[in-house]
Amino acid sequence: DGCNHLIDADRRSGTGYYFRSRVADSVRNVIGNGSDLFRQAHLDLQQAVECDPSNSDLWFELSDLQYREGLFAEASTAADRATEIDAVNRIWGHVDQYLAEEKIQRLELIQRSGDND
């Protein structure tokens, strides 16, 4: 319910959509692979990315969710975007927006999986 309040407060912000996607994905992991919950998490992450398209963390989360669902081509595309944004953040010295090394390694794995489609 709190996530919906965040969304209602500012539909142009990706924060509420991101948190709602995390809740849906967490519940899905606990109760099993619910396609409705995946669909909700996926739609919310896509909306979060749309609200904040220069956020490499959101692109990472979208890529990771798609990868875990076997959507390898889509995941690879999102991983490419996350990597591109992270590179720009590093060029411009936006230290607070660098992706963690573990995320970069995960993105590389996801990008390789998309090459096999």
C-alpha atoms as a PDB file:
ATOM      1  CA  ASP A   1       0.000   0.000   0.000  1.00  0.00           C
ATOM      2  CA  GLY A   2       2.908   2.340   0.755  1.00  0.00           C
ATOM      3  CA  CYS A   3       4.235   1.878  -2.775  1.00  0.00           C
ATOM      4  CA  ASN A   4       0.915   2.963  -4.218  1.00  0.00           C
ATOM      5  CA  HIS A   5       1.039   6.105  -2.063  1.00  0.00           C
ATOM      6  CA  LEU A   6       4.481   6.902  -3.469  1.00  0.00           C
ATOM      7  CA  ILE A   7       3.171   6.442  -7.006  1.00  0.00           C
ATOM      8  CA  ASP A   8       0.090   8.563  -6.302  1.00  0.00           C
ATOM      9  CA  ALA A   9       2.267  11.309  -4.814  1.00  0.00           C
ATOM     10  CA  ASP A  10       4.377  11.611  -7.980  1.00  0.00           C
ATOM     11  CA  ARG A  11       3.657   9.465 -11.023  1.00  0.00           C
ATOM     12  CA  ARG A  12       6.679  10.936 -12.805  1.00  0.00           C
ATOM     13  CA  SER A  13       9.058   9.486 -10.232  1.00  0.00           C
ATOM     14  CA  GLY A  14      10.269   5.926 -10.687  1.00  0.00           C
ATOM     15  CA  THR A  15      10.692   5.313  -6.953  1.00  0.00           C
ATOM     16  CA  GLY A  16       7.203   3.987  -6.213  1.00  0.00           C
ATOM     17  CA  TYR A  17       7.193   1.803  -9.308  1.00  0.00           C
ATOM     18  CA  TYR A  18      10.622   0.416  -8.397  1.00  0.00           C
ATOM     19  CA  PHE A  19       9.596  -0.454  -4.840  1.00  0.00           C
ATOM     20  CA  ARG A  20       6.315  -2.007  -5.992  1.00  0.00           C
ATOM     21  CA  SER A  21       8.246  -4.141  -8.494  1.00  0.00           C
ATOM     22  CA  ARG A  22      10.560  -5.322  -5.717  1.00  0.00           C
ATOM     23  CA  VAL A  23       7.602  -6.258  -3.503  1.00  0.00           C
ATOM     24  CA  ALA A  24       5.915  -8.193  -6.318  1.00  0.00           C
ATOM     25  CA  ASP A  25       9.160  -9.986  -7.190  1.00  0.00           C
ATOM     26  CA  SER A  26       9.859 -10.846  -3.539  1.00  0.00           C
ATOM     27  CA  VAL A  27       6.362 -12.228  -3.004  1.00  0.00           C
ATOM     28  CA  ARG A  28       6.681 -14.202  -6.236  1.00  0.00           C
ATOM     29  CA  ASN A  29       9.936 -15.735  -4.996  1.00  0.00           C
ATOM     30  CA  VAL A  30       8.308 -16.772  -1.718  1.00  0.00           C
ATOM     31  CA  ILE A  31       5.087 -18.270  -3.083  1.00  0.00           C
ATOM     32  CA  GLY A  32       6.447 -19.597  -6.355  1.00  0.00           C
ATOM     33  CA  ASN A  33       6.672 -18.449  -9.913  1.00  0.00           C
ATOM     34  CA  GLY A  34       3.426 -16.484 -10.263  1.00  0.00           C
ATOM     35  CA  SER A  35       3.096 -15.117 -13.784  1.00  0.00           C
ATOM     36  CA  ASP A  36       0.777 -12.317 -12.635  1.00  0.00           C
ATOM     37  CA  LEU A  37       3.332 -11.182 -10.082  1.00  0.00           C
ATOM     38  CA  PHE A  38       6.103 -11.335 -12.670  1.00  0.00           C
ATOM     39  CA  ARG A  39       4.000  -9.319 -15.091  1.00  0.00           C
ATOM     40  CA  GLN A  40       3.334  -6.685 -12.401  1.00  0.00           C
ATOM     41  CA  ALA A  41       7.004  -6.518 -11.389  1.00  0.00           C
ATOM     42  CA  HIS A  42       8.055  -6.286 -15.039  1.00  0.00           C
ATOM     43  CA  LEU A  43       5.552  -3.535 -15.868  1.00  0.00           C
ATOM     44  CA  ASP A  44       6.518  -1.551 -12.789  1.00  0.00           C
ATOM     45  CA  LEU A  45      10.227  -1.784 -13.572  1.00  0.00           C
ATOM     46  CA  GLN A  46       9.572  -0.705 -17.149  1.00  0.00           C
ATOM     47  CA  GLN A  47       7.609   2.270 -15.796  1.00  0.00           C
ATOM     48  CA  ALA A  48      10.410   3.129 -13.368  1.00  0.00           C
ATOM     49  CA  VAL A  49      12.926   3.085 -16.236  1.00  0.00           C
ATOM     50  CA  GLU A  50      10.606   5.246 -18.312  1.00  0.00           C
ATOM     51  CA  CYS A  51      10.423   7.766 -15.452  1.00  0.00           C
ATOM     52  CA  ASP A  52      14.200   7.797 -14.937  1.00  0.00           C
ATOM     53  CA  PRO A  53      15.845   6.567 -18.165  1.00  0.00           C
ATOM     54  CA  SER A  54      19.342   7.621 -17.138  1.00  0.00           C
ATOM     55  CA  ASN A  55      19.370   5.461 -13.984  1.00  0.00           C
ATOM     56  CA  SER A  56      21.752   2.556 -14.572  1.00  0.00           C
ATOM     57  CA  ASP A  57      20.537   0.762 -11.421  1.00  0.00           C
ATOM     58  CA  LEU A  58      16.974   0.631 -12.749  1.00  0.00           C
ATOM     59  CA  TRP A  59      18.210  -0.714 -16.093  1.00  0.00           C
ATOM     60  CA  PHE A  60      20.213  -3.322 -14.165  1.00  0.00           C
ATOM     61  CA  GLU A  61      17.141  -4.379 -12.180  1.00  0.00           C
ATOM     62  CA  LEU A  62      15.048  -4.644 -15.345  1.00  0.00           C
ATOM     63  CA  SER A  63      17.743  -6.659 -17.084  1.00  0.00           C
ATOM     64  CA  ASP A  64      18.147  -9.000 -14.119  1.00  0.00           C
ATOM     65  CA  LEU A  65      14.401  -9.609 -13.810  1.00  0.00           C
ATOM     66  CA  GLN A  66      14.098 -10.327 -17.540  1.00  0.00           C
ATOM     67  CA  TYR A  67      17.099 -12.660 -17.418  1.00  0.00           C
ATOM     68  CA  ARG A  68      15.665 -14.634 -14.490  1.00  0.00           C
ATOM     69  CA  GLU A  69      12.468 -15.093 -16.524  1.00  0.00           C
ATOM     70  CA  GLY A  70      14.328 -16.343 -19.594  1.00  0.00           C
ATOM     71  CA  LEU A  71      13.759 -13.202 -21.671  1.00  0.00           C
ATOM     72  CA  PHE A  72      17.383 -13.232 -22.778  1.00  0.00           C
ATOM     73  CA  ALA A  73      17.218 -10.876 -25.769  1.00  0.00           C
ATOM     74  CA  GLU A  74      15.298  -8.237 -23.789  1.00  0.00           C
ATOM     75  CA  ALA A  75      17.581  -8.704 -20.806  1.00  0.00           C
ATOM     76  CA  SER A  76      20.646  -8.243 -22.985  1.00  0.00           C
ATOM     77  CA  THR A  77      19.255  -5.021 -24.448  1.00  0.00           C
ATOM     78  CA  ALA A  78      18.540  -3.636 -20.968  1.00  0.00           C
ATOM     79  CA  ALA A  79      22.006  -4.771 -19.821  1.00  0.00           C
ATOM     80  CA  ASP A  80      23.569  -2.915 -22.745  1.00  0.00           C
ATOM     81  CA  ARG A  81      21.756   0.258 -21.704  1.00  0.00           C
ATOM     82  CA  ALA A  82      22.802  -0.123 -18.049  1.00  0.00           C
ATOM     83  CA  THR A  83      26.410  -0.574 -19.146  1.00  0.00           C
ATOM     84  CA  GLU A  84      26.276   2.467 -21.447  1.00  0.00           C
ATOM     85  CA  ILE A  85      24.877   4.683 -18.696  1.00  0.00           C
ATOM     86  CA  ASP A  86      27.415   3.400 -16.180  1.00  0.00           C
ATOM     87  CA  ALA A  87      30.233   4.237 -18.613  1.00  0.00           C
ATOM     88  CA  VAL A  88      28.933   7.801 -18.967  1.00  0.00           C
ATOM     89  CA  ASN A  89      28.654   8.114 -15.171  1.00  0.00           C
ATOM     90  CA  ARG A  90      32.282   7.030 -14.866  1.00  0.00           C
ATOM     91  CA  ILE A  91      33.464   9.450 -17.572  1.00  0.00           C
ATOM     92  CA  TRP A  92      31.716  12.329 -15.820  1.00  0.00           C
ATOM     93  CA  GLY A  93      32.871  11.211 -12.371  1.00  0.00           C
ATOM     94  CA  HIS A  94      29.401  10.587 -10.904  1.00  0.00           C
ATOM     95  CA  VAL A  95      30.845   8.326  -8.224  1.00  0.00           C
ATOM     96  CA  ASP A  96      27.506   8.067  -6.420  1.00  0.00           C
ATOM     97  CA  GLN A  97      25.963   6.521  -9.542  1.00  0.00           C
ATOM     98  CA  TYR A  98      28.583   3.880 -10.375  1.00  0.00           C
ATOM     99  CA  LEU A  99      27.283   0.332 -10.578  1.00  0.00           C
ATOM    100  CA  ALA A 100      28.861  -2.067  -8.099  1.00  0.00           C
ATOM    101  CA  GLU A 101      31.365  -4.540  -9.508  1.00  0.00           C
ATOM    102  CA  GLU A 102      29.002  -7.455  -8.785  1.00  0.00           C
ATOM    103  CA  LYS A 103      26.322  -5.780 -10.908  1.00  0.00           C
ATOM    104  CA  ILE A 104      28.757  -5.173 -13.749  1.00  0.00           C
ATOM    105  CA  GLN A 105      29.753  -8.847 -13.701  1.00  0.00           C
ATOM    106  CA  ARG A 106      26.082  -9.870 -13.727  1.00  0.00           C
ATOM    107  CA  LEU A 107      25.436  -7.534 -16.681  1.00  0.00           C
ATOM    108  CA  GLU A 108      28.322  -9.128 -18.588  1.00  0.00           C
ATOM    109  CA  LEU A 109      26.769 -12.570 -18.016  1.00  0.00           C
ATOM    110  CA  ILE A 110      23.376 -11.288 -19.182  1.00  0.00           C
ATOM    111  CA  GLN A 111      24.894  -9.674 -22.274  1.00  0.00           C
ATOM    112  CA  ARG A 112      26.578 -12.961 -23.197  1.00  0.00           C
ATOM    113  CA  SER A 113      23.261 -14.786 -22.857  1.00  0.00           C
ATOM    114  CA  GLY A 114      21.652 -12.390 -25.313  1.00  0.00           C
ATOM    115  CA  ASP A 115      24.371 -13.153 -27.851  1.00  0.00           C
ATOM    116  CA  ASN A 116      23.141 -16.755 -27.921  1.00  0.00           C
ATOM    117  CA  ASP A 117      19.547 -15.925 -28.922  1.00  0.00           C
END
